[in-house]
Protein backbone atom coordinates (compact mmCIF):
# COMPACT_ATOMS: atom_id res chain seq x y z
CA MET A 1 -37.83 -91.22 129.75
CA PRO A 2 -40.94 -92.85 128.26
CA GLU A 3 -40.54 -96.43 127.09
CA VAL A 4 -39.88 -97.00 123.40
CA GLU A 5 -40.15 -100.18 121.35
CA LEU A 6 -36.64 -100.07 119.93
CA ILE A 7 -33.40 -98.59 121.24
CA ALA A 8 -29.97 -98.42 119.68
CA GLY A 9 -26.40 -97.84 120.83
CA ILE A 10 -23.52 -96.52 118.72
CA ASP A 11 -19.79 -96.45 119.42
CA GLU A 12 -16.47 -96.55 117.55
CA ALA A 13 -13.03 -98.12 117.65
CA GLY A 14 -9.80 -96.88 116.07
CA ARG A 15 -10.67 -93.20 115.94
CA GLY A 16 -7.18 -91.97 116.77
CA ALA A 17 -5.14 -94.76 115.20
CA VAL A 18 -2.58 -94.09 112.48
CA LEU A 19 -2.97 -97.61 111.06
CA GLY A 20 -6.12 -99.34 109.93
CA PRO A 21 -9.77 -98.31 109.73
CA MET A 22 -12.03 -96.47 112.10
CA VAL A 23 -14.94 -98.79 112.84
CA ILE A 24 -18.36 -97.53 113.92
CA ALA A 25 -20.91 -100.06 115.15
CA GLY A 26 -24.61 -99.68 115.85
CA ILE A 27 -26.87 -102.17 117.64
CA SER A 28 -30.65 -102.12 118.01
CA MET A 29 -32.70 -104.09 120.51
CA SER A 30 -35.75 -104.06 122.72
CA PRO A 31 -35.20 -102.10 125.95
CA ARG A 32 -36.10 -105.31 127.79
CA ASP A 33 -33.00 -106.98 126.34
CA GLU A 34 -30.62 -104.59 128.08
CA ASN A 35 -30.82 -106.75 131.18
CA LYS A 36 -29.74 -109.75 129.11
CA LEU A 37 -26.58 -107.89 128.14
CA ARG A 38 -25.97 -106.93 131.75
CA LYS A 39 -26.23 -110.57 132.84
CA LEU A 40 -23.79 -111.57 130.09
CA GLY A 41 -21.22 -109.19 131.55
CA VAL A 42 -21.29 -106.65 128.74
CA LYS A 43 -19.28 -103.51 129.55
CA ASP A 44 -17.03 -100.95 127.90
CA SER A 45 -14.77 -102.91 125.53
CA LYS A 46 -11.64 -101.28 126.98
CA LEU A 47 -12.34 -103.08 130.28
CA LEU A 48 -12.39 -106.52 128.66
CA SER A 49 -9.69 -108.87 127.41
CA PRO A 50 -9.60 -109.65 123.66
CA LYS A 51 -10.88 -113.21 124.21
CA ARG A 52 -13.69 -112.00 126.45
CA ARG A 53 -14.71 -109.42 123.84
CA GLU A 54 -14.85 -112.08 121.14
CA ARG A 55 -17.09 -114.33 123.25
CA LEU A 56 -19.37 -111.45 124.14
CA ALA A 57 -19.59 -110.31 120.52
CA GLU A 58 -21.06 -113.70 119.62
CA ALA A 59 -23.54 -113.46 122.49
CA ILE A 60 -24.51 -109.89 121.56
CA GLU A 61 -25.36 -111.00 118.02
CA LYS A 62 -27.97 -113.37 119.48
CA VAL A 63 -29.56 -110.66 121.63
CA ALA A 64 -29.57 -107.74 119.16
CA LYS A 65 -32.34 -107.16 116.67
CA ASP A 66 -29.97 -105.64 114.12
CA ILE A 67 -26.26 -104.87 113.99
CA ILE A 68 -24.59 -102.58 111.48
CA VAL A 69 -20.85 -102.03 111.18
CA ILE A 70 -19.27 -99.29 109.07
CA LYS A 71 -15.55 -99.24 108.34
CA ILE A 72 -13.92 -95.99 107.23
CA GLY A 73 -10.56 -96.87 105.70
CA PRO A 74 -7.40 -94.75 106.03
CA CYS A 75 -7.57 -93.51 102.42
CA LYS A 76 -11.18 -92.43 102.89
CA ILE A 77 -10.34 -90.63 106.13
CA ASP A 78 -7.39 -88.89 104.45
CA ASN A 79 -9.52 -87.83 101.48
CA TYR A 80 -12.19 -86.39 103.77
CA ARG A 81 -9.63 -84.47 105.82
CA LYS A 82 -7.94 -83.06 102.71
CA THR A 83 -11.29 -81.55 101.67
CA GLY A 84 -11.85 -79.96 105.08
CA VAL A 85 -14.08 -82.61 106.65
CA ASN A 86 -12.77 -83.31 110.14
CA LEU A 87 -12.92 -86.53 112.11
CA ASN A 88 -15.95 -85.47 114.18
CA GLN A 89 -17.89 -84.68 111.02
CA ILE A 90 -16.91 -88.02 109.49
CA GLU A 91 -18.18 -89.82 112.57
CA ALA A 92 -21.41 -87.82 112.59
CA MET A 93 -22.15 -88.68 108.95
CA LYS A 94 -21.60 -92.40 109.52
CA MET A 95 -23.51 -92.40 112.81
CA ALA A 96 -26.43 -90.74 111.03
CA ASP A 97 -26.32 -93.49 108.40
CA ILE A 98 -26.53 -96.07 111.18
CA VAL A 99 -29.47 -94.35 112.89
CA ASN A 100 -31.30 -94.04 109.57
CA TYR A 101 -30.79 -97.74 108.95
CA LEU A 102 -31.76 -99.00 112.42
CA LYS A 103 -34.58 -96.45 112.96
CA PRO A 104 -34.73 -96.70 116.76
CA GLY A 105 -37.15 -94.72 118.91
CA ARG A 106 -34.20 -93.79 121.12
CA VAL A 107 -30.49 -93.87 120.34
CA TYR A 108 -27.59 -93.72 122.78
CA ILE A 109 -24.30 -92.43 121.39
CA ASP A 110 -20.83 -92.03 122.85
CA SER A 111 -19.96 -88.46 121.87
CA PRO A 112 -16.57 -87.96 120.17
CA ASP A 113 -16.82 -84.17 120.43
CA THR A 114 -16.12 -82.12 123.55
CA ASN A 115 -18.92 -79.79 122.40
CA ILE A 116 -21.85 -82.18 122.70
CA LYS A 117 -24.57 -79.70 121.70
CA LYS A 118 -22.72 -78.69 118.53
CA PHE A 119 -22.15 -82.32 117.56
CA GLN A 120 -25.79 -83.19 118.26
CA ARG A 121 -27.10 -80.35 116.08
CA PHE A 122 -24.88 -81.47 113.19
CA LEU A 123 -25.88 -85.10 113.63
CA LYS A 124 -29.63 -84.52 113.92
CA ARG A 125 -29.73 -82.65 110.60
CA MET A 126 -28.85 -85.88 108.82
CA ILE A 127 -31.35 -88.19 110.54
CA ASP A 128 -34.56 -88.77 108.62
CA HIS A 129 -37.04 -89.94 111.29
CA GLU A 130 -38.38 -88.96 114.71
CA HIS A 131 -36.23 -90.16 117.58
CA GLU A 132 -34.88 -89.38 121.02
CA MET A 133 -31.12 -88.97 121.27
CA VAL A 134 -28.96 -89.44 124.33
CA LEU A 135 -25.48 -88.16 123.49
CA GLU A 136 -22.91 -88.31 126.29
CA HIS A 137 -19.22 -88.70 126.96
CA TYR A 138 -18.33 -92.19 128.24
CA ALA A 139 -21.76 -93.49 127.27
CA ASP A 140 -20.15 -96.92 126.84
CA THR A 141 -19.70 -97.08 130.62
CA LYS A 142 -23.34 -96.20 131.33
CA TYR A 143 -25.62 -97.70 128.66
CA MET A 144 -25.68 -101.39 127.78
CA SER A 145 -26.47 -100.81 124.11
CA VAL A 146 -23.44 -98.52 123.69
CA ALA A 147 -21.16 -100.91 125.58
CA ALA A 148 -22.34 -103.70 123.27
CA ALA A 149 -21.65 -101.53 120.21
CA SER A 150 -18.17 -100.73 121.55
CA ILE A 151 -17.44 -104.47 121.79
CA ILE A 152 -18.60 -105.15 118.23
CA ALA A 153 -16.56 -102.22 116.90
CA LYS A 154 -13.45 -103.24 118.81
CA VAL A 155 -13.63 -106.92 117.81
CA THR A 156 -14.11 -105.93 114.15
CA ARG A 157 -11.12 -103.59 114.17
CA ASP A 158 -8.95 -106.10 116.06
CA LYS A 159 -9.58 -108.67 113.32
CA ASP A 160 -8.50 -106.17 110.66
CA ILE A 161 -5.34 -105.31 112.60
CA GLU A 162 -4.53 -109.00 113.05
CA GLU A 163 -4.79 -109.51 109.29
CA LEU A 164 -2.35 -106.63 108.80
CA ARG A 165 0.04 -108.21 111.30
CA GLU A 166 -0.03 -111.48 109.38
CA LYS A 167 0.96 -109.63 106.19
CA HIS A 168 3.30 -106.97 107.52
CA GLY A 169 4.77 -108.23 110.80
CA LYS A 170 4.93 -106.42 114.12
CA ILE A 171 2.84 -103.30 113.53
CA GLY A 172 1.73 -102.93 117.15
CA SER A 173 -1.70 -101.61 118.06
CA GLY A 174 -1.76 -99.06 115.26
CA TYR A 175 -1.74 -96.06 117.60
CA THR A 176 0.98 -93.40 117.67
CA SER A 177 1.35 -93.93 121.43
CA ASP A 178 2.64 -97.44 120.68
CA PRO A 179 6.45 -97.56 120.21
CA ILE A 180 6.11 -100.73 118.13
CA THR A 181 3.83 -98.94 115.67
CA ILE A 182 6.19 -95.96 115.43
CA GLN A 183 9.16 -98.25 114.84
CA TRP A 184 7.28 -100.11 112.13
CA LEU A 185 6.42 -96.82 110.38
CA GLU A 186 10.06 -95.72 110.49
CA ASN A 187 11.28 -99.08 109.21
CA TRP A 188 8.78 -99.03 106.36
CA LEU A 189 9.92 -95.64 105.14
CA GLU A 190 13.54 -96.71 105.21
CA ASN A 191 12.74 -99.28 102.54
CA ASN A 192 9.89 -97.64 100.63
CA LYS A 193 9.12 -94.26 99.04
CA LYS A 194 5.67 -93.95 100.62
CA PHE A 195 3.38 -95.58 103.16
CA PRO A 196 0.95 -98.38 102.21
CA ASP A 197 -2.76 -97.66 101.93
CA PHE A 198 -3.57 -98.76 105.48
CA VAL A 199 -1.65 -95.81 106.95
CA ARG A 200 -3.46 -92.50 107.61
CA THR A 201 -0.99 -90.15 105.99
CA THR A 202 -2.81 -87.01 107.18
CA TRP A 203 -1.96 -87.91 110.78
CA ILE A 204 0.74 -85.61 112.18
CA THR A 205 3.12 -88.48 112.92
CA ALA A 206 2.95 -90.04 109.45
CA ASP A 207 2.96 -86.67 107.71
CA ALA A 208 6.08 -85.57 109.62
CA MET A 209 7.86 -88.80 108.72
CA LEU A 210 7.05 -88.36 105.03
CA LYS A 211 8.19 -84.74 105.01
CA ASN A 212 11.40 -85.69 106.79
CA LYS A 213 12.08 -88.41 104.22
CA LEU A 214 11.46 -85.96 101.37
CA GLN A 215 13.72 -83.39 102.97
CA THR A 216 16.47 -85.97 103.41
CA ARG A 217 16.18 -87.03 99.76
CA LEU A 218 16.35 -83.39 98.61
CA THR A 219 19.36 -82.73 100.83
CA ASP A 220 21.16 -85.80 99.48
CA TRP A 221 20.35 -84.80 95.92
CA PHE A 222 21.61 -81.25 96.51
CA LYS A 223 24.85 -82.54 98.03
CA LYS A 224 25.46 -84.70 94.97
CA LEU A 225 24.69 -81.78 92.70
CA MET A 226 27.17 -79.52 94.48
CA LYS A 227 29.92 -82.13 94.76
CA PRO A 228 33.06 -80.90 92.89
CA ILE A 229 33.80 -82.76 89.68
CA SER A 230 37.28 -84.30 89.64
CA THR A 231 39.46 -83.10 86.74
CA SER A 232 42.34 -85.49 87.28
């Protein structure tokens, strides 16, 4: 590829979580600065400990030209999905916003969609300047700018989840694969009529729990209604 003056990397954290926001981060820099990130030990955020990610996030901020972070809250995600906008489309819209803000000559993106060409066509329609786009699966393991963006996104989301833990106790990681998160959701519904606003209620797990609670309430109400009245 021909050299460009400015490159950018984009990645997300919290895409599949039932609790908390999805965070999408974009980072722009000179191509020459990629080697600086490599020397710092920047890599896919999933391969780093939380403390290491935090230290690297601070170092990345000194190397990057610009950093932009977009948080899409659970209520916003739910509202989009209820109107027929799926998660891939949500990501594409926010990624396009990031590209339009950073205006790189080349952008590297970790593709969330199995159909890369379809996702790229949808994304490119929303970008307002000339650019090269490298859209790949596992781009955070191959391109320094994407790995750096994955770290920023992950550190940002982790801070939000920690704040939720301080307020609401042991919520786990926020993913449905986490038994602690599932237990917390079940415990919450035992004591409350609905989930708080940091739960994605359109997720299958949360939706099933809510429907089960409603069904239980209706069953209990029906049993009381049909209970024979004592005439003694």
